[in-house]
Amino acid sequence: MTNTFSFDPKQFDTKQFEAMFFGPARAYAALSVDYTEKLVNAQLDATKAYTETGLAQIRDLMNVKDAEGLRTYMEGQQQVAKDLTERLKGDAEKVVSLQQDFVQKSQKLAESNVKQAQETTTKAAK
């Protein structure tokens, strides 16, 4: 029985192997790490902002001493809700932007890798 897939690693030198396999793998790993770092930092920033807002609201509520203070606190809740809504929207837009950037860079990297692999394979065949 003949093996229909034969791969002779001797036909590739170190540069060709680097160009076809290890280089693209490292480039994609670097892109993935960069994306993950940006995403984690965005999530940490958002979590910190939401936590600070929540703690500030608890402190403000603890300082309510009378009906007037309660009224002022409740009126302030409308602004807090508005600010949080805007923050949520901005955070969602940031994540979408990061994802789009990652997809675009991944596509460019894949196209570049295919082109490089074709060139390397052509040179190896000669």
N, C-alpha and C. Protein backbone atom coordinates (compact mmCIF):
# COMPACT_ATOMS: atom_id res chain seq x y z
N MET A 1 0.84 -1.17 0.00
CA MET A 1 0.00 0.00 0.00
C MET A 1 0.90 1.24 0.00
N THR A 2 0.63 2.15 -0.89
CA THR A 2 1.45 3.33 -1.06
C THR A 2 0.88 4.47 -0.22
N ASN A 3 1.76 5.18 0.40
CA ASN A 3 1.37 6.35 1.18
C ASN A 3 1.12 7.49 0.20
N THR A 4 -0.11 7.99 0.14
CA THR A 4 -0.44 9.05 -0.81
C THR A 4 0.09 10.40 -0.36
N PHE A 5 0.41 10.49 0.91
CA PHE A 5 0.97 11.74 1.42
C PHE A 5 2.40 11.48 1.83
N SER A 6 3.31 12.02 1.07
CA SER A 6 4.70 11.84 1.44
C SER A 6 5.32 13.21 1.67
N PHE A 7 5.99 13.31 2.76
CA PHE A 7 6.62 14.58 3.13
C PHE A 7 8.08 14.29 3.43
N ASP A 8 8.94 14.87 2.65
CA ASP A 8 10.37 14.68 2.86
C ASP A 8 10.93 15.94 3.49
N PRO A 9 11.20 15.91 4.79
CA PRO A 9 11.70 17.12 5.45
C PRO A 9 13.07 17.55 4.96
N LYS A 10 13.78 16.68 4.28
CA LYS A 10 15.12 17.02 3.78
C LYS A 10 15.07 18.06 2.67
N GLN A 11 13.89 18.19 2.05
CA GLN A 11 13.79 19.14 0.95
C GLN A 11 13.71 20.59 1.45
N PHE A 12 13.50 20.77 2.73
CA PHE A 12 13.41 22.11 3.29
C PHE A 12 14.65 22.41 4.12
N ASP A 13 15.23 23.58 3.89
CA ASP A 13 16.33 23.99 4.76
C ASP A 13 15.73 24.72 5.97
N THR A 14 16.56 25.11 6.90
CA THR A 14 16.11 25.73 8.14
C THR A 14 15.32 27.01 7.86
N LYS A 15 15.79 27.82 6.92
CA LYS A 15 15.10 29.08 6.61
C LYS A 15 13.70 28.80 6.05
N GLN A 16 13.60 27.81 5.19
CA GLN A 16 12.30 27.48 4.61
C GLN A 16 11.36 26.95 5.68
N PHE A 17 11.87 26.11 6.55
CA PHE A 17 11.04 25.55 7.63
C PHE A 17 10.58 26.67 8.56
N GLU A 18 11.48 27.60 8.84
CA GLU A 18 11.14 28.76 9.68
C GLU A 18 10.06 29.59 8.99
N ALA A 19 10.24 29.83 7.70
CA ALA A 19 9.29 30.66 6.96
C ALA A 19 7.92 30.00 6.85
N MET A 20 7.88 28.69 6.71
CA MET A 20 6.60 28.00 6.50
C MET A 20 5.88 27.63 7.79
N PHE A 21 6.61 27.35 8.85
CA PHE A 21 5.96 26.82 10.04
C PHE A 21 6.16 27.68 11.29
N PHE A 22 7.40 27.80 11.72
CA PHE A 22 7.66 28.45 13.01
C PHE A 22 7.41 29.95 12.97
N GLY A 23 7.82 30.62 11.91
CA GLY A 23 7.60 32.06 11.81
C GLY A 23 6.13 32.43 11.89
N PRO A 24 5.29 31.81 11.04
CA PRO A 24 3.86 32.12 11.11
C PRO A 24 3.23 31.76 12.47
N ALA A 25 3.67 30.65 13.05
CA ALA A 25 3.12 30.26 14.36
C ALA A 25 3.48 31.31 15.41
N ARG A 26 4.72 31.79 15.40
CA ARG A 26 5.13 32.82 16.36
C ARG A 26 4.38 34.13 16.12
N ALA A 27 4.21 34.49 14.86
CA ALA A 27 3.50 35.74 14.54
C ALA A 27 2.06 35.68 15.04
N TYR A 28 1.41 34.55 14.81
CA TYR A 28 0.02 34.42 15.27
C TYR A 28 -0.04 34.39 16.80
N ALA A 29 0.91 33.73 17.43
CA ALA A 29 0.95 33.70 18.90
C ALA A 29 1.15 35.11 19.45
N ALA A 30 2.03 35.88 18.84
CA ALA A 30 2.27 37.26 19.29
C ALA A 30 1.00 38.10 19.13
N LEU A 31 0.33 37.93 18.01
CA LEU A 31 -0.92 38.66 17.78
C LEU A 31 -1.97 38.27 18.82
N SER A 32 -2.08 37.00 19.11
CA SER A 32 -3.05 36.51 20.09
C SER A 32 -2.74 37.02 21.50
N VAL A 33 -1.47 37.02 21.86
CA VAL A 33 -1.08 37.51 23.19
C VAL A 33 -1.38 39.00 23.30
N ASP A 34 -1.07 39.75 22.25
CA ASP A 34 -1.34 41.19 22.25
C ASP A 34 -2.83 41.46 22.41
N TYR A 35 -3.65 40.74 21.65
CA TYR A 35 -5.10 40.89 21.73
C TYR A 35 -5.60 40.54 23.13
N THR A 36 -5.13 39.43 23.66
CA THR A 36 -5.57 38.99 24.99
C THR A 36 -5.18 40.02 26.05
N GLU A 37 -3.98 40.56 25.94
CA GLU A 37 -3.53 41.57 26.91
C GLU A 37 -4.42 42.81 26.85
N LYS A 38 -4.72 43.27 25.64
CA LYS A 38 -5.58 44.45 25.49
C LYS A 38 -6.98 44.18 26.02
N LEU A 39 -7.51 43.00 25.74
CA LEU A 39 -8.85 42.65 26.20
C LEU A 39 -8.90 42.55 27.72
N VAL A 40 -7.92 41.90 28.32
CA VAL A 40 -7.87 41.77 29.79
C VAL A 40 -7.74 43.15 30.43
N ASN A 41 -6.88 44.01 29.87
CA ASN A 41 -6.74 45.36 30.43
C ASN A 41 -8.03 46.15 30.32
N ALA A 42 -8.75 46.01 29.21
CA ALA A 42 -10.04 46.69 29.06
C ALA A 42 -11.03 46.19 30.10
N GLN A 43 -11.04 44.88 30.34
CA GLN A 43 -11.95 44.30 31.33
C GLN A 43 -11.57 44.75 32.74
N LEU A 44 -10.28 44.79 33.02
CA LEU A 44 -9.84 45.25 34.35
C LEU A 44 -10.21 46.72 34.58
N ASP A 45 -10.00 47.55 33.55
CA ASP A 45 -10.37 48.96 33.66
C ASP A 45 -11.86 49.12 33.92
N ALA A 46 -12.66 48.36 33.18
CA ALA A 46 -14.11 48.44 33.34
C ALA A 46 -14.52 47.96 34.73
N THR A 47 -13.96 46.85 35.17
CA THR A 47 -14.29 46.32 36.49
C THR A 47 -13.93 47.31 37.58
N LYS A 48 -12.77 47.93 37.45
CA LYS A 48 -12.35 48.93 38.43
C LYS A 48 -13.32 50.11 38.46
N ALA A 49 -13.70 50.59 37.29
CA ALA A 49 -14.63 51.73 37.22
C ALA A 49 -15.98 51.37 37.83
N TYR A 50 -16.51 50.17 37.51
CA TYR A 50 -17.81 49.77 38.06
C TYR A 50 -17.73 49.58 39.57
N THR A 51 -16.63 49.03 40.04
CA THR A 51 -16.45 48.83 41.48
C THR A 51 -16.37 50.16 42.20
N GLU A 52 -15.59 51.08 41.65
CA GLU A 52 -15.46 52.40 42.27
C GLU A 52 -16.81 53.12 42.31
N THR A 53 -17.57 53.01 41.25
CA THR A 53 -18.89 53.63 41.21
C THR A 53 -19.80 53.01 42.28
N GLY A 54 -19.79 51.69 42.37
CA GLY A 54 -20.62 51.01 43.37
C GLY A 54 -20.24 51.40 44.79
N LEU A 55 -18.95 51.45 45.07
CA LEU A 55 -18.49 51.82 46.41
C LEU A 55 -18.84 53.28 46.72
N ALA A 56 -18.70 54.14 45.73
CA ALA A 56 -19.06 55.56 45.93
C ALA A 56 -20.55 55.68 46.25
N GLN A 57 -21.37 54.88 45.57
CA GLN A 57 -22.81 54.92 45.83
C GLN A 57 -23.14 54.43 47.24
N ILE A 58 -22.45 53.41 47.69
CA ILE A 58 -22.66 52.91 49.06
C ILE A 58 -22.24 53.96 50.08
N ARG A 59 -21.10 54.62 49.84
CA ARG A 59 -20.64 55.68 50.76
C ARG A 59 -21.64 56.83 50.80
N ASP A 60 -22.12 57.23 49.62
CA ASP A 60 -23.11 58.31 49.57
C ASP A 60 -24.38 57.93 50.33
N LEU A 61 -24.82 56.70 50.16
CA LEU A 61 -26.03 56.25 50.86
C LEU A 61 -25.81 56.21 52.36
N MET A 62 -24.61 55.83 52.79
CA MET A 62 -24.32 55.80 54.23
C MET A 62 -24.31 57.19 54.84
N ASN A 63 -24.09 58.21 54.03
CA ASN A 63 -24.05 59.59 54.52
C ASN A 63 -25.43 60.24 54.56
N VAL A 64 -26.46 59.53 54.11
CA VAL A 64 -27.82 60.08 54.14
C VAL A 64 -28.28 60.13 55.60
N LYS A 65 -28.67 61.32 56.04
CA LYS A 65 -29.06 61.50 57.45
C LYS A 65 -30.52 61.93 57.63
N ASP A 66 -31.11 62.42 56.53
CA ASP A 66 -32.49 62.91 56.66
C ASP A 66 -33.20 62.78 55.31
N ALA A 67 -34.44 63.25 55.28
CA ALA A 67 -35.25 63.14 54.06
C ALA A 67 -34.64 63.94 52.91
N GLU A 68 -34.09 65.11 53.22
CA GLU A 68 -33.46 65.93 52.18
C GLU A 68 -32.23 65.22 51.60
N GLY A 69 -31.45 64.62 52.44
CA GLY A 69 -30.28 63.86 51.99
C GLY A 69 -30.68 62.69 51.12
N LEU A 70 -31.79 62.02 51.49
CA LEU A 70 -32.28 60.90 50.70
C LEU A 70 -32.76 61.37 49.33
N ARG A 71 -33.44 62.52 49.32
CA ARG A 71 -33.92 63.08 48.05
C ARG A 71 -32.74 63.42 47.14
N THR A 72 -31.72 64.05 47.70
CA THR A 72 -30.53 64.41 46.93
C THR A 72 -29.83 63.15 46.40
N TYR A 73 -29.75 62.14 47.25
CA TYR A 73 -29.12 60.88 46.84
C TYR A 73 -29.90 60.26 45.69
N MET A 74 -31.21 60.21 45.80
CA MET A 74 -32.04 59.60 44.76
C MET A 74 -31.96 60.38 43.45
N GLU A 75 -31.88 61.68 43.52
CA GLU A 75 -31.73 62.49 42.31
C GLU A 75 -30.38 62.20 41.64
N GLY A 76 -29.36 61.98 42.44
CA GLY A 76 -28.04 61.68 41.92
C GLY A 76 -27.99 60.32 41.22
N GLN A 77 -28.92 59.44 41.59
CA GLN A 77 -28.93 58.11 40.99
C GLN A 77 -29.24 58.17 39.50
N GLN A 78 -29.99 59.16 39.08
CA GLN A 78 -30.27 59.30 37.65
C GLN A 78 -28.99 59.58 36.87
N GLN A 79 -28.14 60.44 37.42
CA GLN A 79 -26.87 60.75 36.76
C GLN A 79 -25.95 59.54 36.78
N VAL A 80 -25.95 58.81 37.88
CA VAL A 80 -25.12 57.61 37.98
C VAL A 80 -25.57 56.59 36.93
N ALA A 81 -26.87 56.40 36.80
CA ALA A 81 -27.39 55.46 35.81
C ALA A 81 -26.99 55.89 34.40
N LYS A 82 -27.08 57.18 34.13
CA LYS A 82 -26.71 57.71 32.81
C LYS A 82 -25.22 57.48 32.56
N ASP A 83 -24.39 57.78 33.56
CA ASP A 83 -22.94 57.60 33.42
C ASP A 83 -22.59 56.12 33.20
N LEU A 84 -23.25 55.24 33.95
CA LEU A 84 -22.97 53.81 33.78
C LEU A 84 -23.40 53.31 32.41
N THR A 85 -24.52 53.80 31.91
CA THR A 85 -24.99 53.41 30.58
C THR A 85 -23.98 53.83 29.52
N GLU A 86 -23.47 55.05 29.65
CA GLU A 86 -22.47 55.54 28.70
C GLU A 86 -21.18 54.74 28.81
N ARG A 87 -20.80 54.40 30.04
CA ARG A 87 -19.58 53.60 30.26
C ARG A 87 -19.74 52.22 29.64
N LEU A 88 -20.89 51.59 29.86
CA LEU A 88 -21.15 50.27 29.28
C LEU A 88 -21.08 50.31 27.75
N LYS A 89 -21.67 51.34 27.18
CA LYS A 89 -21.65 51.49 25.73
C LYS A 89 -20.21 51.65 25.23
N GLY A 90 -19.44 52.49 25.90
CA GLY A 90 -18.05 52.70 25.52
C GLY A 90 -17.22 51.43 25.67
N ASP A 91 -17.45 50.70 26.75
CA ASP A 91 -16.71 49.45 26.97
C ASP A 91 -17.06 48.42 25.89
N ALA A 92 -18.33 48.33 25.54
CA ALA A 92 -18.75 47.38 24.50
C ALA A 92 -18.13 47.77 23.16
N GLU A 93 -18.09 49.06 22.85
CA GLU A 93 -17.49 49.52 21.60
C GLU A 93 -15.99 49.22 21.58
N LYS A 94 -15.33 49.35 22.73
CA LYS A 94 -13.90 49.07 22.81
C LYS A 94 -13.63 47.59 22.52
N VAL A 95 -14.44 46.72 23.10
CA VAL A 95 -14.26 45.27 22.89
C VAL A 95 -14.52 44.92 21.42
N VAL A 96 -15.56 45.48 20.84
CA VAL A 96 -15.85 45.22 19.43
C VAL A 96 -14.70 45.71 18.55
N SER A 97 -14.16 46.87 18.86
CA SER A 97 -13.03 47.41 18.11
C SER A 97 -11.80 46.51 18.22
N LEU A 98 -11.53 46.02 19.43
CA LEU A 98 -10.41 45.10 19.63
C LEU A 98 -10.61 43.83 18.82
N GLN A 99 -11.82 43.30 18.82
CA GLN A 99 -12.11 42.08 18.07
C GLN A 99 -11.95 42.30 16.57
N GLN A 100 -12.46 43.41 16.07
CA GLN A 100 -12.34 43.71 14.65
C GLN A 100 -10.88 43.86 14.24
N ASP A 101 -10.11 44.54 15.07
CA ASP A 101 -8.69 44.73 14.80
C ASP A 101 -7.97 43.38 14.76
N PHE A 102 -8.29 42.51 15.71
CA PHE A 102 -7.69 41.18 15.76
C PHE A 102 -8.04 40.38 14.51
N VAL A 103 -9.30 40.42 14.10
CA VAL A 103 -9.72 39.67 12.91
C VAL A 103 -9.00 40.19 11.67
N GLN A 104 -8.92 41.51 11.52
CA GLN A 104 -8.25 42.09 10.35
C GLN A 104 -6.77 41.71 10.32
N LYS A 105 -6.11 41.82 11.47
CA LYS A 105 -4.69 41.48 11.51
C LYS A 105 -4.48 39.99 11.29
N SER A 106 -5.38 39.16 11.81
CA SER A 106 -5.29 37.71 11.60
C SER A 106 -5.43 37.38 10.12
N GLN A 107 -6.38 38.03 9.45
CA GLN A 107 -6.58 37.79 8.02
C GLN A 107 -5.35 38.20 7.22
N LYS A 108 -4.79 39.36 7.53
CA LYS A 108 -3.59 39.82 6.82
C LYS A 108 -2.43 38.86 7.07
N LEU A 109 -2.30 38.40 8.30
CA LEU A 109 -1.25 37.46 8.64
C LEU A 109 -1.42 36.15 7.88
N ALA A 110 -2.65 35.67 7.82
CA ALA A 110 -2.93 34.42 7.10
C ALA A 110 -2.62 34.57 5.62
N GLU A 111 -3.03 35.68 5.02
CA GLU A 111 -2.75 35.92 3.61
C GLU A 111 -1.24 35.99 3.36
N SER A 112 -0.54 36.67 4.23
CA SER A 112 0.91 36.78 4.10
C SER A 112 1.57 35.41 4.24
N ASN A 113 1.08 34.62 5.18
CA ASN A 113 1.65 33.29 5.41
C ASN A 113 1.41 32.36 4.22
N VAL A 114 0.23 32.45 3.62
CA VAL A 114 -0.07 31.62 2.45
C VAL A 114 0.85 32.01 1.30
N LYS A 115 1.01 33.29 1.10
CA LYS A 115 1.88 33.77 0.03
C LYS A 115 3.32 33.31 0.27
N GLN A 116 3.78 33.47 1.51
CA GLN A 116 5.14 33.05 1.86
C GLN A 116 5.32 31.55 1.67
N ALA A 117 4.33 30.78 2.09
CA ALA A 117 4.42 29.31 1.95
C ALA A 117 4.46 28.91 0.48
N GLN A 118 3.67 29.59 -0.35
CA GLN A 118 3.68 29.28 -1.78
C GLN A 118 5.04 29.58 -2.39
N GLU A 119 5.61 30.72 -2.01
CA GLU A 119 6.93 31.10 -2.53
C GLU A 119 7.99 30.11 -2.06
N THR A 120 7.93 29.72 -0.79
CA THR A 120 8.92 28.79 -0.26
C THR A 120 8.79 27.42 -0.90
N THR A 121 7.55 26.97 -1.09
CA THR A 121 7.33 25.68 -1.72
C THR A 121 7.82 25.69 -3.16
N THR A 122 7.56 26.77 -3.86
CA THR A 122 8.03 26.90 -5.24
C THR A 122 9.56 26.85 -5.31
N LYS A 123 10.22 27.56 -4.40
CA LYS A 123 11.68 27.56 -4.38
C LYS A 123 12.22 26.18 -4.03
N ALA A 124 11.54 25.50 -3.11
CA ALA A 124 12.00 24.16 -2.68
C ALA A 124 11.83 23.14 -3.81
N ALA A 125 10.82 23.35 -4.64
CA ALA A 125 10.56 22.40 -5.73
C ALA A 125 11.59 22.53 -6.84
N LYS A 126 12.23 23.67 -6.93
CA LYS A 126 13.19 23.90 -8.04
C LYS A 126 14.52 23.26 -7.78
